[in-house]
Amino acid sequence: MTTQDWNQKFDRIYIHQSSANTPVALRFQEIFQNKVQIINGNPPDLIKGKLSASQFLISKRQVFLTPFQGQFFKKCPGFHKGMACCNYFVLNLGFQCDMDCSYCYLQSFINSNYLTIYTNIDDALNELDSFESLKNKPLRVGTGEVIDSLSLDPLTMYSHDLIAFFKKYPNWKLEFKTKSNYVDQFLNQEHAGNVIVSWSINPPFIVDNEEHGTASFDERLLAAEKCVAHGYPISFHIDPMIWHPDWKVNYTYLVEQITQRFTPQQIPYLSVGALRYQPEQKNIMRERFGGSSLVTQAETFLSRDGKLRYDYDLRTEMFNHILNAFKSYDPLWKIFMCMETPETWINTLGHSPHREDSLKDLFQPIQKKMTQIETDAIST
């Protein structure tokens, strides 16, 4: 995007005085100029608490750059009793997404009317450095839990800091998870082969109708091809799968496009997950996107983790469809289910993920190997 495009994207930029001379804040001041205000404290109209639909939309158009005083490194929310988890950890460098997917869980989670970017990335990396016993463990760390990993990276350039840091820890894997196509800014960075660039992906029909403000289906695949050409492993997360009358046809097309452009050797793993959301989110989605949105049309049921999901049989059918479609092209595709129950795994694969040879590296109980201090430190 050009400077003019970025300026049209955001209405105002506040920068905390203590962050004014950080590299990220200086870039914002150069790009946004007249829209930037340096303040000593919080934005004057900051809202803390549950946002209305209109306030949530506004929060995507105004930015606050500030140091983060809390804990950057945490366990993935998938570490939940009753769920089969792939030992994923998250490093949060901001809060809120500039894109607007109809199903986004942030709608029931965000409690500030500002998209917040944390300016003290050095503190985040120092925090990672402090986990001594994990240095030689196969740790997987993602930056895309509560903010897209790359949609603002041309502004923050945090990818450069992270790629350089992870060169020190070849046993660790860093994952940039995105729905954007912004990869050019880091492609020429020297890396250790342990930086995975991944895309949350859906068929074009879902992207066009439910994933507002994101890169198109083809733009994401083209960006993935660029990453492969520069030696970066890539991945795709077919999540959330959304039921609609032509879901089989559309998800078959998605599988065809991935298998025609990429090989299992270029993609260490793929994941699939079905639509799920907190009960209070349903009314928010209806208010913001109306009854025509696909995310509120199919029947959902309360699951053991408190989220609304499609029923067990439909989820199993959807997962089997994706799994069989990939395996029909090549049995070497490694696919796992995200935030699903062991029962769904058993019904789909015939056993738990811990007994799947191709997935053992993801599901081995790494947490048990941590010290108690470290386990407590990254507990959510």
Protein backbone atom coordinates (compact mmCIF):
# COMPACT_ATOMS: atom_id res chain seq x y z
CA MET A 1 0.00 0.00 0.00
CA THR A 2 1.12 3.56 -0.66
CA THR A 3 1.40 6.23 2.02
CA GLN A 4 -1.84 7.67 0.70
CA ASP A 5 -3.58 4.29 1.06
CA TRP A 6 -2.43 3.95 4.66
CA ASN A 7 -3.63 7.46 5.43
CA GLN A 8 -7.09 6.59 4.15
CA LYS A 9 -7.17 3.48 6.30
CA PHE A 10 -6.83 5.22 9.68
CA ASP A 11 -8.52 8.35 11.03
CA ARG A 12 -6.24 9.20 13.94
CA ILE A 13 -3.00 8.05 15.54
CA TYR A 14 -2.13 8.59 19.19
CA ILE A 15 1.39 7.86 20.43
CA HIS A 16 2.24 7.64 24.11
CA GLN A 17 5.00 10.09 24.96
CA SER A 18 7.26 7.32 26.29
CA SER A 19 7.07 5.61 22.90
CA ALA A 20 7.60 8.65 20.68
CA ASN A 21 11.21 7.85 19.78
CA THR A 22 10.82 4.12 19.22
CA PRO A 23 11.42 2.90 15.65
CA VAL A 24 7.77 1.96 15.13
CA ALA A 25 6.50 5.32 16.41
CA LEU A 26 8.93 7.23 14.20
CA ARG A 27 7.65 5.32 11.16
CA PHE A 28 4.06 6.21 12.04
CA GLN A 29 5.01 9.87 12.49
CA GLU A 30 6.65 9.90 9.07
CA ILE A 31 3.76 8.19 7.27
CA PHE A 32 0.77 9.78 9.02
CA GLN A 33 2.23 13.20 9.94
CA ASN A 34 -0.79 15.46 10.57
CA LYS A 35 -2.87 12.59 11.97
CA VAL A 36 -0.39 11.87 14.77
CA GLN A 37 -0.74 13.26 18.29
CA ILE A 38 1.81 12.62 21.06
CA ILE A 39 0.04 12.28 24.40
CA ASN A 40 1.04 11.65 28.00
CA GLY A 41 -1.46 9.02 29.02
CA ASN A 42 -4.38 7.34 27.28
CA PRO A 43 -6.37 8.76 24.35
CA PRO A 44 -8.94 11.25 25.67
CA ASP A 45 -11.89 9.26 24.29
CA LEU A 46 -10.59 5.83 25.31
CA ILE A 47 -13.38 3.39 26.16
CA LYS A 48 -12.67 0.47 28.44
CA GLY A 49 -15.21 -2.31 28.53
CA LYS A 50 -17.69 -3.93 26.20
CA LEU A 51 -18.00 -2.15 22.85
CA SER A 52 -21.12 -1.56 20.82
CA ALA A 53 -21.16 -2.62 17.17
CA SER A 54 -20.38 0.94 16.01
CA GLN A 55 -17.61 1.36 18.59
CA PHE A 56 -16.03 -1.92 17.49
CA LEU A 57 -15.92 -0.70 13.89
CA ILE A 58 -14.38 2.62 14.97
CA SER A 59 -11.68 0.73 16.88
CA LYS A 60 -10.32 -0.50 13.54
CA ARG A 61 -9.77 3.04 12.27
CA GLN A 62 -7.86 4.62 15.13
CA VAL A 63 -4.50 3.52 16.50
CA PHE A 64 -2.73 3.87 19.84
CA LEU A 65 1.00 3.17 20.11
CA THR A 66 2.07 2.48 23.66
CA PRO A 67 4.34 0.24 25.72
CA PHE A 68 2.79 -2.95 27.06
CA GLN A 69 3.19 -3.55 30.78
CA GLY A 70 1.94 -7.12 30.92
CA GLN A 71 3.03 -10.55 29.77
CA PHE A 72 3.72 -10.99 26.06
CA PHE A 73 4.25 -14.76 25.93
CA LYS A 74 1.31 -17.05 26.75
CA LYS A 75 -0.22 -20.42 26.06
CA CYS A 76 -2.59 -20.66 23.14
CA PRO A 77 -6.29 -20.67 24.15
CA GLY A 78 -6.34 -24.21 22.76
CA PHE A 79 -4.78 -25.34 26.05
CA HIS A 80 -8.26 -26.09 27.33
CA LYS A 81 -9.49 -29.05 29.28
CA GLY A 82 -11.22 -31.47 26.94
CA MET A 83 -9.47 -30.18 23.81
CA ALA A 84 -6.59 -31.83 21.95
CA CYS A 85 -3.93 -29.10 21.77
CA CYS A 86 -0.91 -28.85 19.46
CA ASN A 87 1.41 -27.16 22.00
CA TYR A 88 1.14 -23.71 20.45
CA PHE A 89 2.22 -20.53 22.21
CA VAL A 90 1.45 -16.93 21.36
CA LEU A 91 3.47 -13.72 21.50
CA ASN A 92 1.13 -10.74 21.53
CA LEU A 93 2.54 -7.52 20.05
CA GLY A 94 -0.73 -5.66 19.66
CA PHE A 95 -4.46 -5.82 20.17
CA GLN A 96 -7.25 -5.64 17.55
CA CYS A 97 -7.22 -6.33 13.81
CA ASP A 98 -7.60 -3.84 10.98
CA MET A 99 -9.58 -6.36 8.90
CA ASP A 100 -13.21 -7.26 9.58
CA CYS A 101 -14.21 -10.93 9.24
CA SER A 102 -17.84 -11.59 10.11
CA TYR A 103 -16.95 -14.48 12.45
CA CYS A 104 -14.01 -12.81 14.24
CA TYR A 105 -13.91 -13.77 17.91
CA LEU A 106 -12.50 -10.35 18.79
CA GLN A 107 -16.06 -9.00 18.48
CA SER A 108 -16.85 -10.51 21.88
CA PHE A 109 -13.36 -9.99 23.29
CA ILE A 110 -12.06 -6.50 22.45
CA ASN A 111 -12.52 -4.03 25.30
CA SER A 112 -10.93 -0.90 23.85
CA ASN A 113 -11.98 1.39 21.02
CA TYR A 114 -8.39 1.68 19.76
CA LEU A 115 -6.30 -0.70 17.71
CA THR A 116 -3.25 -0.90 19.95
CA ILE A 117 0.33 -1.54 18.85
CA TYR A 118 2.86 -2.32 21.54
CA THR A 119 6.05 -0.34 21.02
CA ASN A 120 8.37 -2.25 23.36
CA ILE A 121 9.13 -5.29 21.23
CA ASP A 122 12.57 -5.53 22.88
CA ASP A 123 10.85 -6.34 26.17
CA ALA A 124 8.86 -9.08 24.43
CA LEU A 125 12.02 -10.66 23.03
CA ASN A 126 13.78 -10.39 26.38
CA GLU A 127 10.84 -12.21 27.93
CA LEU A 128 11.29 -15.05 25.43
CA ASP A 129 15.00 -15.12 26.23
CA SER A 130 14.21 -15.76 29.88
CA PHE A 131 12.75 -19.26 29.38
CA GLU A 132 15.96 -21.17 29.86
CA SER A 133 14.67 -24.75 29.86
CA LEU A 134 12.84 -24.26 26.56
CA LYS A 135 15.91 -23.34 24.50
CA ASN A 136 16.29 -26.83 23.03
CA LYS A 137 12.60 -27.77 22.94
CA PRO A 138 10.55 -27.78 19.71
CA LEU A 139 8.60 -24.68 20.67
CA ARG A 140 6.01 -23.20 18.30
CA VAL A 141 5.29 -19.50 18.73
CA GLY A 142 2.74 -17.47 16.78
CA THR A 143 2.09 -13.73 16.73
CA GLY A 144 -1.43 -13.75 15.28
CA GLU A 145 -3.75 -14.37 18.22
CA VAL A 146 -5.28 -10.94 18.90
CA ILE A 147 -3.79 -9.02 15.98
CA ASP A 148 -2.98 -10.18 12.46
CA SER A 149 0.72 -11.06 12.20
CA LEU A 150 1.42 -9.20 8.97
CA SER A 151 -1.43 -6.86 7.99
CA LEU A 152 0.33 -3.93 9.73
CA ASP A 153 3.88 -5.20 9.33
CA PRO A 154 4.77 -2.76 6.54
CA LEU A 155 4.24 -0.10 9.24
CA THR A 156 5.75 -1.83 12.28
CA MET A 157 8.43 -3.90 10.51
CA TYR A 158 8.36 -6.24 13.52
CA SER A 159 8.98 -9.18 11.20
CA HIS A 160 12.63 -8.10 10.90
CA ASP A 161 13.16 -8.14 14.68
CA LEU A 162 11.42 -11.49 15.08
CA ILE A 163 13.19 -13.24 12.21
CA ALA A 164 16.57 -12.09 13.54
CA PHE A 165 15.71 -13.21 17.07
CA PHE A 166 14.59 -16.70 16.04
CA LYS A 167 17.87 -17.28 14.22
CA LYS A 168 19.33 -17.75 17.71
CA TYR A 169 16.93 -20.62 18.47
CA PRO A 170 16.86 -23.06 15.53
CA ASN A 171 14.73 -25.56 17.50
CA TRP A 172 11.97 -22.99 17.86
CA LYS A 173 9.51 -22.17 15.12
CA LEU A 174 7.99 -18.73 14.60
CA GLU A 175 4.68 -18.51 12.77
CA PHE A 176 3.31 -15.41 11.09
CA LYS A 177 -0.42 -16.05 10.65
CA THR A 178 -2.23 -13.65 8.37
CA LYS A 179 -5.09 -12.94 6.00
CA SER A 180 -3.07 -10.28 4.22
CA ASN A 181 -0.59 -10.58 1.35
CA TYR A 182 2.08 -8.36 2.92
CA VAL A 183 5.28 -10.39 2.66
CA ASP A 184 7.56 -8.29 0.45
CA GLN A 185 8.94 -6.33 3.41
CA PHE A 186 10.75 -9.36 4.89
CA LEU A 187 11.41 -11.73 1.99
CA ASN A 188 15.08 -10.78 1.70
CA GLN A 189 15.79 -11.09 5.42
CA GLU A 190 18.29 -13.79 6.32
CA HIS A 191 16.48 -16.50 8.26
CA ALA A 192 17.17 -19.90 9.81
CA GLY A 193 14.43 -21.81 7.99
CA ASN A 194 12.34 -21.83 11.17
CA VAL A 195 9.98 -18.98 10.25
CA ILE A 196 6.68 -20.28 8.91
CA VAL A 197 4.41 -17.91 7.04
CA SER A 198 0.83 -19.13 7.22
CA TRP A 199 -2.53 -18.05 5.94
CA SER A 200 -5.97 -18.47 7.38
CA ILE A 201 -7.71 -19.51 4.19
CA ASN A 202 -11.22 -20.16 2.96
CA PRO A 203 -12.69 -20.68 -0.51
CA PRO A 204 -13.15 -17.53 -2.62
CA PHE A 205 -16.90 -17.56 -1.93
CA ILE A 206 -16.30 -17.29 1.83
CA VAL A 207 -13.44 -14.79 1.47
CA ASP A 208 -15.56 -12.51 -0.70
CA ASN A 209 -18.66 -12.67 1.50
CA GLU A 210 -17.37 -13.05 5.06
CA GLU A 211 -13.72 -11.92 5.26
CA HIS A 212 -14.07 -8.19 4.69
CA GLY A 213 -10.97 -6.10 4.07
CA THR A 214 -8.68 -9.11 3.67
CA ALA A 215 -6.48 -10.18 0.78
CA SER A 216 -8.31 -12.22 -1.84
CA PHE A 217 -7.94 -15.98 -2.11
CA ASP A 218 -5.58 -15.64 -5.09
CA GLU A 219 -3.56 -12.85 -3.45
CA ARG A 220 -2.89 -15.09 -0.46
CA LEU A 221 -1.73 -17.97 -2.63
CA LEU A 222 0.51 -15.68 -4.69
CA ALA A 223 2.07 -14.35 -1.47
CA ALA A 224 2.64 -17.94 -0.33
CA GLU A 225 4.42 -18.70 -3.61
CA LYS A 226 6.71 -15.72 -3.03
CA CYS A 227 7.61 -17.05 0.43
CA VAL A 228 8.40 -20.52 -0.94
CA ALA A 229 10.65 -18.95 -3.58
CA HIS A 230 12.63 -17.26 -0.78
CA GLY A 231 13.04 -20.42 1.28
CA TYR A 232 10.31 -19.84 3.85
CA PRO A 233 8.17 -22.80 4.94
CA ILE A 234 4.48 -22.00 4.63
CA SER A 235 1.23 -23.28 6.04
CA PHE A 236 -2.51 -22.92 5.61
CA HIS A 237 -5.21 -22.96 8.25
CA ILE A 238 -8.58 -23.85 6.76
CA ASP A 239 -10.32 -22.31 9.70
CA PRO A 240 -13.09 -21.66 10.30
CA MET A 241 -14.83 -23.97 7.89
CA ILE A 242 -18.26 -22.44 7.37
CA TRP A 243 -21.25 -24.52 6.35
CA HIS A 244 -23.23 -23.32 3.32
CA PRO A 245 -25.19 -25.20 0.66
CA ASP A 246 -22.20 -25.52 -1.71
CA TRP A 247 -19.60 -26.13 0.97
CA LYS A 248 -18.33 -29.40 -0.50
CA VAL A 249 -17.80 -27.93 -3.95
CA ASN A 250 -16.09 -24.81 -2.63
CA TYR A 251 -13.79 -26.54 -0.16
CA THR A 252 -12.87 -29.11 -2.82
CA TYR A 253 -11.78 -26.20 -5.03
CA LEU A 254 -9.66 -24.82 -2.17
CA VAL A 255 -7.88 -28.18 -1.78
CA GLU A 256 -7.33 -28.42 -5.53
CA GLN A 257 -5.69 -25.00 -5.66
CA ILE A 258 -3.35 -25.72 -2.74
CA THR A 259 -2.30 -29.15 -4.01
CA GLN A 260 -1.71 -27.84 -7.54
CA ARG A 261 0.55 -25.00 -6.36
CA PHE A 262 2.38 -26.56 -3.42
CA THR A 263 3.81 -29.88 -2.22
CA PRO A 264 3.67 -31.51 1.23
CA GLN A 265 7.41 -30.90 1.51
CA GLN A 266 6.87 -27.13 1.30
CA ILE A 267 4.14 -27.15 3.96
CA PRO A 268 5.11 -28.71 7.32
CA TYR A 269 1.46 -29.00 8.36
CA LEU A 270 -2.05 -27.73 7.66
CA SER A 271 -4.87 -27.32 10.11
CA VAL A 272 -8.63 -27.37 9.83
CA GLY A 273 -11.24 -26.07 12.23
CA ALA A 274 -14.98 -25.54 12.11
CA LEU A 275 -16.83 -22.33 12.98
CA ARG A 276 -17.03 -21.71 16.73
CA TYR A 277 -17.77 -18.66 18.83
CA GLN A 278 -18.85 -17.49 22.26
CA PRO A 279 -22.66 -17.40 22.72
CA GLU A 280 -22.72 -13.63 23.27
CA GLN A 281 -21.06 -13.14 19.88
CA LYS A 282 -24.09 -14.33 17.92
CA ASN A 283 -26.10 -11.16 18.51
CA ILE A 284 -23.09 -8.99 17.69
CA MET A 285 -22.59 -10.78 14.37
CA ARG A 286 -26.26 -10.42 13.50
CA GLU A 287 -26.23 -6.75 14.36
CA ARG A 288 -23.10 -6.03 12.35
CA PHE A 289 -23.60 -8.26 9.30
CA GLY A 290 -27.33 -9.00 9.17
CA GLY A 291 -29.19 -12.21 8.53
CA SER A 292 -27.53 -12.79 5.16
CA SER A 293 -24.19 -13.67 6.73
CA LEU A 294 -23.43 -17.39 6.57
CA VAL A 295 -22.02 -17.47 10.08
CA THR A 296 -25.43 -17.24 11.76
CA GLN A 297 -27.45 -19.39 9.36
CA ALA A 298 -26.53 -22.92 10.41
CA GLU A 299 -27.66 -24.40 13.71
CA THR A 300 -25.04 -24.47 16.46
CA PHE A 301 -24.89 -26.11 19.88
CA LEU A 302 -23.10 -25.35 23.14
CA SER A 303 -19.93 -27.44 23.46
CA ARG A 304 -17.96 -28.45 26.52
CA ASP A 305 -15.65 -25.42 26.21
CA GLY A 306 -18.60 -23.03 26.34
CA LYS A 307 -18.54 -22.15 22.64
CA LEU A 308 -21.27 -22.62 20.06
CA ARG A 309 -20.30 -25.14 17.38
CA TYR A 310 -21.86 -27.17 14.61
CA ASP A 311 -23.01 -30.56 15.81
CA TYR A 312 -20.52 -33.38 16.12
CA ASP A 313 -21.65 -35.27 13.00
CA LEU A 314 -21.43 -32.22 10.73
CA ARG A 315 -17.97 -31.27 12.02
CA THR A 316 -16.78 -34.81 11.46
CA GLU A 317 -18.19 -34.81 7.93
CA MET A 318 -16.46 -31.51 7.12
CA PHE A 319 -13.12 -32.62 8.53
CA ASN A 320 -13.28 -35.96 6.73
CA HIS A 321 -14.04 -34.20 3.47
CA ILE A 322 -10.91 -32.02 3.74
CA LEU A 323 -8.70 -34.86 4.98
CA ASN A 324 -9.77 -37.26 2.24
CA ALA A 325 -9.46 -34.58 -0.43
CA PHE A 326 -5.84 -33.83 0.49
CA LYS A 327 -4.87 -37.48 0.94
CA SER A 328 -6.34 -38.34 -2.47
CA TYR A 329 -3.64 -36.14 -4.01
CA ASP A 330 -0.78 -37.26 -1.76
CA PRO A 331 -0.85 -39.29 1.50
CA LEU A 332 2.08 -37.22 2.81
CA TRP A 333 -0.05 -34.17 3.59
CA LYS A 334 0.05 -33.53 7.35
CA ILE A 335 -3.27 -32.21 8.63
CA PHE A 336 -4.47 -31.61 12.15
CA MET A 337 -7.67 -30.27 13.66
CA CYS A 338 -7.57 -27.06 15.64
CA MET A 339 -9.33 -26.75 19.02
CA GLU A 340 -11.23 -29.99 18.66
CA THR A 341 -12.20 -32.72 21.10
CA PRO A 342 -10.40 -36.08 21.23
CA GLU A 343 -13.72 -37.69 20.24
CA THR A 344 -13.73 -35.80 16.94
CA TRP A 345 -10.15 -36.87 16.29
CA ILE A 346 -11.01 -40.50 16.96
CA ASN A 347 -14.09 -40.39 14.75
CA THR A 348 -12.12 -38.77 11.92
CA LEU A 349 -8.73 -40.52 12.11
CA GLY A 350 -9.62 -43.54 14.21
CA HIS A 351 -7.30 -42.49 17.05
CA SER A 352 -6.07 -39.50 19.02
CA PRO A 353 -3.51 -37.08 17.50
CA HIS A 354 -0.84 -38.33 19.89
CA ARG A 355 -0.92 -41.67 18.03
CA GLU A 356 -0.73 -40.15 14.55
CA ASP A 357 2.90 -40.66 13.43
CA SER A 358 2.96 -37.59 11.18
CA LEU A 359 1.70 -35.32 13.99
CA LYS A 360 3.59 -36.58 17.04
CA ASP A 361 6.01 -33.64 16.92
CA LEU A 362 3.10 -31.22 17.26
CA PHE A 363 1.22 -33.01 20.03
CA GLN A 364 3.99 -34.31 22.29
CA PRO A 365 3.44 -33.01 25.83
CA ILE A 366 6.06 -30.25 25.80
CA GLN A 367 4.42 -28.46 28.72
CA LYS A 368 5.29 -31.31 31.08
CA LYS A 369 8.97 -30.68 30.36
CA MET A 370 8.86 -27.10 31.63
CA THR A 371 9.84 -26.04 35.10
CA GLN A 372 6.93 -25.18 37.37
CA ILE A 373 8.03 -21.54 37.38
CA GLU A 374 7.85 -21.38 33.58
CA THR A 375 4.53 -23.20 33.46
CA ASP A 376 3.05 -20.69 35.89
CA ALA A 377 4.62 -17.76 34.02
CA ILE A 378 2.90 -18.52 30.72
CA SER A 379 -0.39 -19.75 32.08
CA THR A 380 -3.39 -17.82 30.78
